[in-house]
Full PDB file with SEQRES, HELIX, SHEET, SSBOND, CRYST1, ORIGX, SCALE, CONECT and MASTER records, all heavy atoms in Angstrom:
SEQRES   1 A   32  THR ILE ALA ILE ALA PHE ALA CYS LEU LEU SER CYS VAL          
SEQRES   2 A   32  LEU ALA ALA PRO PRO ALA SER GLN GLN ASP ALA GLN VAL          
SEQRES   3 A   32  LEU ARG PHE ASP SER ASP                                      
HELIX    1 AA1 ILE A    2  VAL A   13  1                                  12    
CRYST1    1.000    1.000    1.000  90.00  90.00  90.00 P 1           1          
ORIGX1      1.000000  0.000000  0.000000        0.00000                         
ORIGX2      0.000000  1.000000  0.000000        0.00000                         
ORIGX3      0.000000  0.000000  1.000000        0.00000                         
SCALE1      1.000000  0.000000  0.000000        0.00000                         
SCALE2      0.000000  1.000000  0.000000        0.00000                         
SCALE3      0.000000  0.000000  1.000000        0.00000                         
ATOM      1  N   THR A   1    -172.821 -15.682  41.817  1.00  0.00           N  
ATOM      2  CA  THR A   1    -172.279 -15.731  43.178  1.00  0.00           C  
ATOM      3  C   THR A   1    -173.094 -14.849  44.118  1.00  0.00           C  
ATOM      4  O   THR A   1    -173.392 -15.239  45.246  1.00  0.00           O  
ATOM      5  CB  THR A   1    -170.804 -15.280  43.183  1.00  0.00           C  
ATOM      6  OG1 THR A   1    -170.078 -16.116  42.285  1.00  0.00           O  
ATOM      7  CG2 THR A   1    -170.205 -15.371  44.568  1.00  0.00           C  
ATOM      8  N   ILE A   2    -173.458 -13.669  43.655  1.00  0.00           N  
ATOM      9  CA  ILE A   2    -174.265 -12.758  44.476  1.00  0.00           C  
ATOM     10  C   ILE A   2    -175.622 -13.384  44.759  1.00  0.00           C  
ATOM     11  O   ILE A   2    -176.107 -13.348  45.883  1.00  0.00           O  
ATOM     12  CB  ILE A   2    -174.421 -11.392  43.780  1.00  0.00           C  
ATOM     13  CG1 ILE A   2    -173.084 -10.666  43.746  1.00  0.00           C  
ATOM     14  CG2 ILE A   2    -175.456 -10.535  44.500  1.00  0.00           C  
ATOM     15  CD1 ILE A   2    -173.092  -9.396  42.944  1.00  0.00           C  
ATOM     16  N   ALA A   3    -176.228 -13.980  43.744  1.00  0.00           N  
ATOM     17  CA  ALA A   3    -177.537 -14.605  43.926  1.00  0.00           C  
ATOM     18  C   ALA A   3    -177.457 -15.758  44.926  1.00  0.00           C  
ATOM     19  O   ALA A   3    -178.331 -15.911  45.782  1.00  0.00           O  
ATOM     20  CB  ALA A   3    -178.083 -15.085  42.590  1.00  0.00           C  
ATOM     21  N   ILE A   4    -176.402 -16.556  44.850  1.00  0.00           N  
ATOM     22  CA  ILE A   4    -176.231 -17.675  45.784  1.00  0.00           C  
ATOM     23  C   ILE A   4    -176.012 -17.145  47.196  1.00  0.00           C  
ATOM     24  O   ILE A   4    -176.598 -17.647  48.155  1.00  0.00           O  
ATOM     25  CB  ILE A   4    -175.054 -18.575  45.347  1.00  0.00           C  
ATOM     26  CG1 ILE A   4    -175.374 -19.271  44.024  1.00  0.00           C  
ATOM     27  CG2 ILE A   4    -174.701 -19.580  46.425  1.00  0.00           C  
ATOM     28  CD1 ILE A   4    -176.532 -20.222  44.068  1.00  0.00           C  
ATOM     29  N   ALA A   5    -175.160 -16.127  47.347  1.00  0.00           N  
ATOM     30  CA  ALA A   5    -174.911 -15.540  48.672  1.00  0.00           C  
ATOM     31  C   ALA A   5    -176.198 -14.978  49.259  1.00  0.00           C  
ATOM     32  O   ALA A   5    -176.493 -15.170  50.444  1.00  0.00           O  
ATOM     33  CB  ALA A   5    -173.856 -14.444  48.574  1.00  0.00           C  
ATOM     34  N   PHE A   6    -176.994 -14.318  48.436  1.00  0.00           N  
ATOM     35  CA  PHE A   6    -178.267 -13.761  48.880  1.00  0.00           C  
ATOM     36  C   PHE A   6    -179.201 -14.870  49.339  1.00  0.00           C  
ATOM     37  O   PHE A   6    -179.823 -14.785  50.399  1.00  0.00           O  
ATOM     38  CB  PHE A   6    -178.896 -12.956  47.740  1.00  0.00           C  
ATOM     39  CG  PHE A   6    -180.272 -12.456  48.042  1.00  0.00           C  
ATOM     40  CD1 PHE A   6    -180.480 -11.399  48.901  1.00  0.00           C  
ATOM     41  CD2 PHE A   6    -181.367 -13.062  47.471  1.00  0.00           C  
ATOM     42  CE1 PHE A   6    -181.738 -10.947  49.183  1.00  0.00           C  
ATOM     43  CE2 PHE A   6    -182.639 -12.624  47.753  1.00  0.00           C  
ATOM     44  CZ  PHE A   6    -182.835 -11.565  48.600  1.00  0.00           C  
ATOM     45  N   ALA A   7    -179.293 -15.937  48.576  1.00  0.00           N  
ATOM     46  CA  ALA A   7    -180.183 -17.050  48.920  1.00  0.00           C  
ATOM     47  C   ALA A   7    -179.752 -17.706  50.229  1.00  0.00           C  
ATOM     48  O   ALA A   7    -180.597 -18.049  51.065  1.00  0.00           O  
ATOM     49  CB  ALA A   7    -180.204 -18.067  47.790  1.00  0.00           C  
ATOM     50  N   CYS A   8    -178.458 -17.867  50.430  1.00  0.00           N  
ATOM     51  CA  CYS A   8    -177.957 -18.464  51.670  1.00  0.00           C  
ATOM     52  C   CYS A   8    -178.270 -17.585  52.870  1.00  0.00           C  
ATOM     53  O   CYS A   8    -178.714 -18.071  53.906  1.00  0.00           O  
ATOM     54  CB  CYS A   8    -176.456 -18.695  51.577  1.00  0.00           C  
ATOM     55  SG  CYS A   8    -176.004 -20.001  50.423  1.00  0.00           S  
ATOM     56  N   LEU A   9    -178.033 -16.293  52.734  1.00  0.00           N  
ATOM     57  CA  LEU A   9    -178.321 -15.367  53.823  1.00  0.00           C  
ATOM     58  C   LEU A   9    -179.796 -15.360  54.167  1.00  0.00           C  
ATOM     59  O   LEU A   9    -180.185 -15.389  55.335  1.00  0.00           O  
ATOM     60  CB  LEU A   9    -177.886 -13.950  53.427  1.00  0.00           C  
ATOM     61  CG  LEU A   9    -176.599 -13.522  54.079  1.00  0.00           C  
ATOM     62  CD1 LEU A   9    -175.802 -12.655  53.167  1.00  0.00           C  
ATOM     63  CD2 LEU A   9    -176.937 -12.801  55.338  1.00  0.00           C  
ATOM     64  N   LEU A  10    -180.622 -15.323  53.142  1.00  0.00           N  
ATOM     65  CA  LEU A  10    -182.059 -15.286  53.365  1.00  0.00           C  
ATOM     66  C   LEU A  10    -182.544 -16.561  54.031  1.00  0.00           C  
ATOM     67  O   LEU A  10    -183.385 -16.515  54.927  1.00  0.00           O  
ATOM     68  CB  LEU A  10    -182.790 -15.059  52.039  1.00  0.00           C  
ATOM     69  CG  LEU A  10    -184.282 -14.850  52.165  1.00  0.00           C  
ATOM     70  CD1 LEU A  10    -184.581 -13.646  53.045  1.00  0.00           C  
ATOM     71  CD2 LEU A  10    -184.890 -14.657  50.796  1.00  0.00           C  
ATOM     72  N   SER A  11    -182.008 -17.703  53.649  1.00  0.00           N  
ATOM     73  CA  SER A  11    -182.428 -18.952  54.271  1.00  0.00           C  
ATOM     74  C   SER A  11    -182.061 -18.973  55.751  1.00  0.00           C  
ATOM     75  O   SER A  11    -182.796 -19.531  56.565  1.00  0.00           O  
ATOM     76  CB  SER A  11    -181.835 -20.152  53.536  1.00  0.00           C  
ATOM     77  OG  SER A  11    -180.444 -20.172  53.669  1.00  0.00           O  
ATOM     78  N   CYS A  12    -180.936 -18.362  56.113  1.00  0.00           N  
ATOM     79  CA  CYS A  12    -180.558 -18.271  57.523  1.00  0.00           C  
ATOM     80  C   CYS A  12    -181.546 -17.413  58.300  1.00  0.00           C  
ATOM     81  O   CYS A  12    -181.926 -17.739  59.420  1.00  0.00           O  
ATOM     82  CB  CYS A  12    -179.152 -17.702  57.669  1.00  0.00           C  
ATOM     83  SG  CYS A  12    -177.864 -18.816  57.114  1.00  0.00           S  
ATOM     84  N   VAL A  13    -181.958 -16.309  57.696  1.00  0.00           N  
ATOM     85  CA  VAL A  13    -182.884 -15.389  58.359  1.00  0.00           C  
ATOM     86  C   VAL A  13    -184.234 -16.048  58.581  1.00  0.00           C  
ATOM     87  O   VAL A  13    -184.867 -15.878  59.619  1.00  0.00           O  
ATOM     88  CB  VAL A  13    -183.060 -14.098  57.520  1.00  0.00           C  
ATOM     89  CG1 VAL A  13    -184.176 -13.244  58.073  1.00  0.00           C  
ATOM     90  CG2 VAL A  13    -181.776 -13.311  57.497  1.00  0.00           C  
ATOM     91  N   LEU A  14    -184.672 -16.790  57.598  1.00  0.00           N  
ATOM     92  CA  LEU A  14    -185.995 -17.392  57.673  1.00  0.00           C  
ATOM     93  C   LEU A  14    -185.985 -18.808  58.237  1.00  0.00           C  
ATOM     94  O   LEU A  14    -186.967 -19.524  58.136  1.00  0.00           O  
ATOM     95  CB  LEU A  14    -186.628 -17.390  56.277  1.00  0.00           C  
ATOM     96  CG  LEU A  14    -186.831 -16.003  55.663  1.00  0.00           C  
ATOM     97  CD1 LEU A  14    -187.392 -16.123  54.258  1.00  0.00           C  
ATOM     98  CD2 LEU A  14    -187.721 -15.141  56.525  1.00  0.00           C  
ATOM     99  N   ALA A  15    -184.888 -19.206  58.858  1.00  0.00           N  
ATOM    100  CA  ALA A  15    -184.785 -20.543  59.443  1.00  0.00           C  
ATOM    101  C   ALA A  15    -185.856 -20.736  60.509  1.00  0.00           C  
ATOM    102  O   ALA A  15    -186.386 -19.776  61.066  1.00  0.00           O  
ATOM    103  CB  ALA A  15    -183.401 -20.742  60.032  1.00  0.00           C  
ATOM    104  N   ALA A  16    -186.160 -21.964  60.794  1.00  0.00           N  
ATOM    105  CA  ALA A  16    -187.220 -22.285  61.754  1.00  0.00           C  
ATOM    106  C   ALA A  16    -186.946 -21.641  63.108  1.00  0.00           C  
ATOM    107  O   ALA A  16    -185.823 -21.658  63.596  1.00  0.00           O  
ATOM    108  CB  ALA A  16    -187.327 -23.792  61.911  1.00  0.00           C  
ATOM    109  N   PRO A  17    -187.987 -21.060  63.740  1.00  0.00           N  
ATOM    110  CA  PRO A  17    -187.803 -20.452  65.065  1.00  0.00           C  
ATOM    111  C   PRO A  17    -187.596 -21.544  66.115  1.00  0.00           C  
ATOM    112  O   PRO A  17    -187.946 -22.706  65.904  1.00  0.00           O  
ATOM    113  CB  PRO A  17    -189.124 -19.713  65.288  1.00  0.00           C  
ATOM    114  CG  PRO A  17    -190.115 -20.431  64.443  1.00  0.00           C  
ATOM    115  CD  PRO A  17    -189.356 -20.952  63.257  1.00  0.00           C  
ATOM    116  N   PRO A  18    -187.015 -21.174  67.260  1.00  0.00           N  
ATOM    117  CA  PRO A  18    -186.843 -22.146  68.340  1.00  0.00           C  
ATOM    118  C   PRO A  18    -188.192 -22.749  68.752  1.00  0.00           C  
ATOM    119  O   PRO A  18    -189.236 -22.116  68.608  1.00  0.00           O  
ATOM    120  CB  PRO A  18    -186.262 -21.323  69.485  1.00  0.00           C  
ATOM    121  CG  PRO A  18    -185.660 -20.130  68.829  1.00  0.00           C  
ATOM    122  CD  PRO A  18    -186.483 -19.876  67.599  1.00  0.00           C  
ATOM    123  N   ALA A  19    -188.152 -23.964  69.277  1.00  0.00           N  
ATOM    124  CA  ALA A  19    -189.385 -24.677  69.624  1.00  0.00           C  
ATOM    125  C   ALA A  19    -190.218 -23.928  70.653  1.00  0.00           C  
ATOM    126  O   ALA A  19    -191.422 -24.114  70.731  1.00  0.00           O  
ATOM    127  CB  ALA A  19    -189.034 -26.068  70.141  1.00  0.00           C  
ATOM    128  N   SER A  20    -189.597 -23.064  71.461  1.00  0.00           N  
ATOM    129  CA  SER A  20    -190.324 -22.355  72.507  1.00  0.00           C  
ATOM    130  C   SER A  20    -191.169 -21.204  71.968  1.00  0.00           C  
ATOM    131  O   SER A  20    -191.977 -20.653  72.692  1.00  0.00           O  
ATOM    132  CB  SER A  20    -189.353 -21.827  73.561  1.00  0.00           C  
ATOM    133  OG  SER A  20    -188.495 -20.866  72.981  1.00  0.00           O  
ATOM    134  N   GLN A  21    -190.984 -20.837  70.721  1.00  0.00           N  
ATOM    135  CA  GLN A  21    -191.747 -19.732  70.141  1.00  0.00           C  
ATOM    136  C   GLN A  21    -192.802 -20.265  69.186  1.00  0.00           C  
ATOM    137  O   GLN A  21    -192.693 -21.361  68.650  1.00  0.00           O  
ATOM    138  CB  GLN A  21    -190.821 -18.785  69.388  1.00  0.00           C  
ATOM    139  CG  GLN A  21    -189.834 -18.088  70.277  1.00  0.00           C  
ATOM    140  CD  GLN A  21    -188.963 -17.127  69.484  1.00  0.00           C  
ATOM    141  OE1 GLN A  21    -188.947 -17.157  68.262  1.00  0.00           O  
ATOM    142  NE2 GLN A  21    -188.249 -16.282  70.178  1.00  0.00           N  
ATOM    143  N   GLN A  22    -193.827 -19.438  68.974  1.00  0.00           N  
ATOM    144  CA  GLN A  22    -194.850 -19.789  67.994  1.00  0.00           C  
ATOM    145  C   GLN A  22    -194.262 -19.654  66.604  1.00  0.00           C  
ATOM    146  O   GLN A  22    -193.243 -19.013  66.407  1.00  0.00           O  
ATOM    147  CB  GLN A  22    -196.044 -18.851  68.130  1.00  0.00           C  
ATOM    148  CG  GLN A  22    -196.737 -18.933  69.469  1.00  0.00           C  
ATOM    149  CD  GLN A  22    -197.881 -17.941  69.549  1.00  0.00           C  
ATOM    150  OE1 GLN A  22    -198.135 -17.187  68.627  1.00  0.00           O  
ATOM    151  NE2 GLN A  22    -198.571 -17.946  70.663  1.00  0.00           N  
ATOM    152  N   ASP A  23    -194.942 -20.258  65.634  1.00  0.00           N  
ATOM    153  CA  ASP A  23    -194.519 -20.091  64.244  1.00  0.00           C  
ATOM    154  C   ASP A  23    -194.675 -18.632  63.847  1.00  0.00           C  
ATOM    155  O   ASP A  23    -195.732 -18.041  64.029  1.00  0.00           O  
ATOM    156  CB  ASP A  23    -195.352 -20.969  63.319  1.00  0.00           C  
ATOM    157  CG  ASP A  23    -195.047 -22.437  63.487  1.00  0.00           C  
ATOM    158  OD1 ASP A  23    -193.920 -22.757  63.923  1.00  0.00           O  
ATOM    159  OD2 ASP A  23    -195.922 -23.260  63.198  1.00  0.00           O  
ATOM    160  N   ALA A  24    -193.619 -18.066  63.317  1.00  0.00           N  
ATOM    161  CA  ALA A  24    -193.637 -16.662  62.896  1.00  0.00           C  
ATOM    162  C   ALA A  24    -194.137 -16.567  61.460  1.00  0.00           C  
ATOM    163  O   ALA A  24    -193.881 -17.447  60.642  1.00  0.00           O  
ATOM    164  CB  ALA A  24    -192.247 -16.065  63.010  1.00  0.00           C  
ATOM    165  N   GLN A  25    -194.816 -15.507  61.174  1.00  0.00           N  
ATOM    166  CA  GLN A  25    -195.305 -15.228  59.824  1.00  0.00           C  
ATOM    167  C   GLN A  25    -194.462 -14.107  59.227  1.00  0.00           C  
ATOM    168  O   GLN A  25    -194.079 -13.173  59.930  1.00  0.00           O  
ATOM    169  CB  GLN A  25    -196.774 -14.799  59.851  1.00  0.00           C  
ATOM    170  CG  GLN A  25    -197.696 -15.816  60.490  1.00  0.00           C  
ATOM    171  CD  GLN A  25    -197.732 -17.113  59.706  1.00  0.00           C  
ATOM    172  OE1 GLN A  25    -197.853 -17.096  58.493  1.00  0.00           O  
ATOM    173  NE2 GLN A  25    -197.597 -18.224  60.406  1.00  0.00           N  
ATOM    174  N   VAL A  26    -194.188 -14.190  57.948  1.00  0.00           N  
ATOM    175  CA  VAL A  26    -193.475 -13.117  57.257  1.00  0.00           C  
ATOM    176  C   VAL A  26    -194.463 -11.978  57.017  1.00  0.00           C  
ATOM    177  O   VAL A  26    -195.487 -12.165  56.373  1.00  0.00           O  
ATOM    178  CB  VAL A  26    -192.865 -13.613  55.929  1.00  0.00           C  
ATOM    179  CG1 VAL A  26    -192.222 -12.458  55.174  1.00  0.00           C  
ATOM    180  CG2 VAL A  26    -191.850 -14.715  56.189  1.00  0.00           C  
ATOM    181  N   LEU A  27    -194.149 -10.819  57.570  1.00  0.00           N  
ATOM    182  CA  LEU A  27    -195.010  -9.647  57.415  1.00  0.00           C  
ATOM    183  C   LEU A  27    -194.618  -8.808  56.205  1.00  0.00           C  
ATOM    184  O   LEU A  27    -195.460  -8.188  55.577  1.00  0.00           O  
ATOM    185  CB  LEU A  27    -194.944  -8.775  58.668  1.00  0.00           C  
ATOM    186  CG  LEU A  27    -195.335  -9.450  59.979  1.00  0.00           C  
ATOM    187  CD1 LEU A  27    -195.132  -8.488  61.143  1.00  0.00           C  
ATOM    188  CD2 LEU A  27    -196.781  -9.933  59.920  1.00  0.00           C  
ATOM    189  N   ARG A  28    -193.322  -8.783  55.922  1.00  0.00           N  
ATOM    190  CA  ARG A  28    -192.825  -7.987  54.793  1.00  0.00           C  
ATOM    191  C   ARG A  28    -191.578  -8.653  54.244  1.00  0.00           C  
ATOM    192  O   ARG A  28    -190.720  -9.105  54.994  1.00  0.00           O  
ATOM    193  CB  ARG A  28    -192.484  -6.571  55.256  1.00  0.00           C  
ATOM    194  CG  ARG A  28    -191.960  -5.667  54.147  1.00  0.00           C  
ATOM    195  CD  ARG A  28    -191.778  -4.228  54.628  1.00  0.00           C  
ATOM    196  NE  ARG A  28    -190.629  -4.082  55.489  1.00  0.00           N  
ATOM    197  CZ  ARG A  28    -189.451  -3.596  55.097  1.00  0.00           C  
ATOM    198  NH1 ARG A  28    -189.266  -3.225  53.853  1.00  0.00           N  
ATOM    199  NH2 ARG A  28    -188.461  -3.482  55.955  1.00  0.00           N  
ATOM    200  N   PHE A  29    -191.516  -8.717  52.921  1.00  0.00           N  
ATOM    201  CA  PHE A  29    -190.324  -9.230  52.259  1.00  0.00           C  
ATOM    202  C   PHE A  29    -190.142  -8.441  50.975  1.00  0.00           C  
ATOM    203  O   PHE A  29    -191.020  -8.444  50.111  1.00  0.00           O  
ATOM    204  CB  PHE A  29    -190.445 -10.720  51.945  1.00  0.00           C  
ATOM    205  CG  PHE A  29    -189.264 -11.235  51.180  1.00  0.00           C  
ATOM    206  CD1 PHE A  29    -188.059 -11.461  51.820  1.00  0.00           C  
ATOM    207  CD2 PHE A  29    -189.338 -11.461  49.820  1.00  0.00           C  
ATOM    208  CE1 PHE A  29    -186.952 -11.920  51.120  1.00  0.00           C  
ATOM    209  CE2 PHE A  29    -188.242 -11.912  49.106  1.00  0.00           C  
ATOM    210  CZ  PHE A  29    -187.058 -12.143  49.760  1.00  0.00           C  
ATOM    211  N   ASP A  30    -189.031  -7.746  50.868  1.00  0.00           N  
ATOM    212  CA  ASP A  30    -188.683  -6.991  49.666  1.00  0.00           C  
ATOM    213  C   ASP A  30    -187.286  -7.412  49.254  1.00  0.00           C  
ATOM    214  O   ASP A  30    -186.417  -7.593  50.105  1.00  0.00           O  
ATOM    215  CB  ASP A  30    -188.671  -5.477  49.933  1.00  0.00           C  
ATOM    216  CG  ASP A  30    -190.014  -4.949  50.389  1.00  0.00           C  
ATOM    217  OD1 ASP A  30    -191.024  -5.274  49.752  1.00  0.00           O  
ATOM    218  OD2 ASP A  30    -190.045  -4.208  51.396  1.00  0.00           O  
ATOM    219  N   SER A  31    -187.076  -7.557  47.951  1.00  0.00           N  
ATOM    220  CA  SER A  31    -185.723  -7.848  47.480  1.00  0.00           C  
ATOM    221  C   SER A  31    -185.531  -7.284  46.087  1.00  0.00           C  
ATOM    222  O   SER A  31    -186.480  -7.127  45.322  1.00  0.00           O  
ATOM    223  CB  SER A  31    -185.438  -9.347  47.479  1.00  0.00           C  
ATOM    224  OG  SER A  31    -186.108  -9.977  46.413  1.00  0.00           O  
ATOM    225  N   ASP A  32    -184.291  -6.969  45.802  1.00  0.00           N  
ATOM    226  CA  ASP A  32    -183.904  -6.451  44.495  1.00  0.00           C  
ATOM    227  C   ASP A  32    -182.491  -6.936  44.221  1.00  0.00           C  
ATOM    228  O   ASP A  32    -181.565  -6.593  44.949  1.00  0.00           O  
ATOM    229  CB  ASP A  32    -183.961  -4.915  44.497  1.00  0.00           C  
ATOM    230  CG  ASP A  32    -183.628  -4.317  43.139  1.00  0.00           C  
ATOM    231  OD1 ASP A  32    -183.794  -5.016  42.113  1.00  0.00           O  
ATOM    232  OD2 ASP A  32    -183.200  -3.151  43.107  1.00  0.00           O  
TER     233      ASP A  32                                                      
MASTER        0    0    0    1    0    0    0    6  232    1    0    3          
END                                                                             
């Protein structure tokens, strides 16, 4: 359940940016 909740939250954070912005690059990603 924790792993699923984490995956859902992360997918929301990394969702596609609005069309008015450039494509964003991930600069840092850490997880435990």
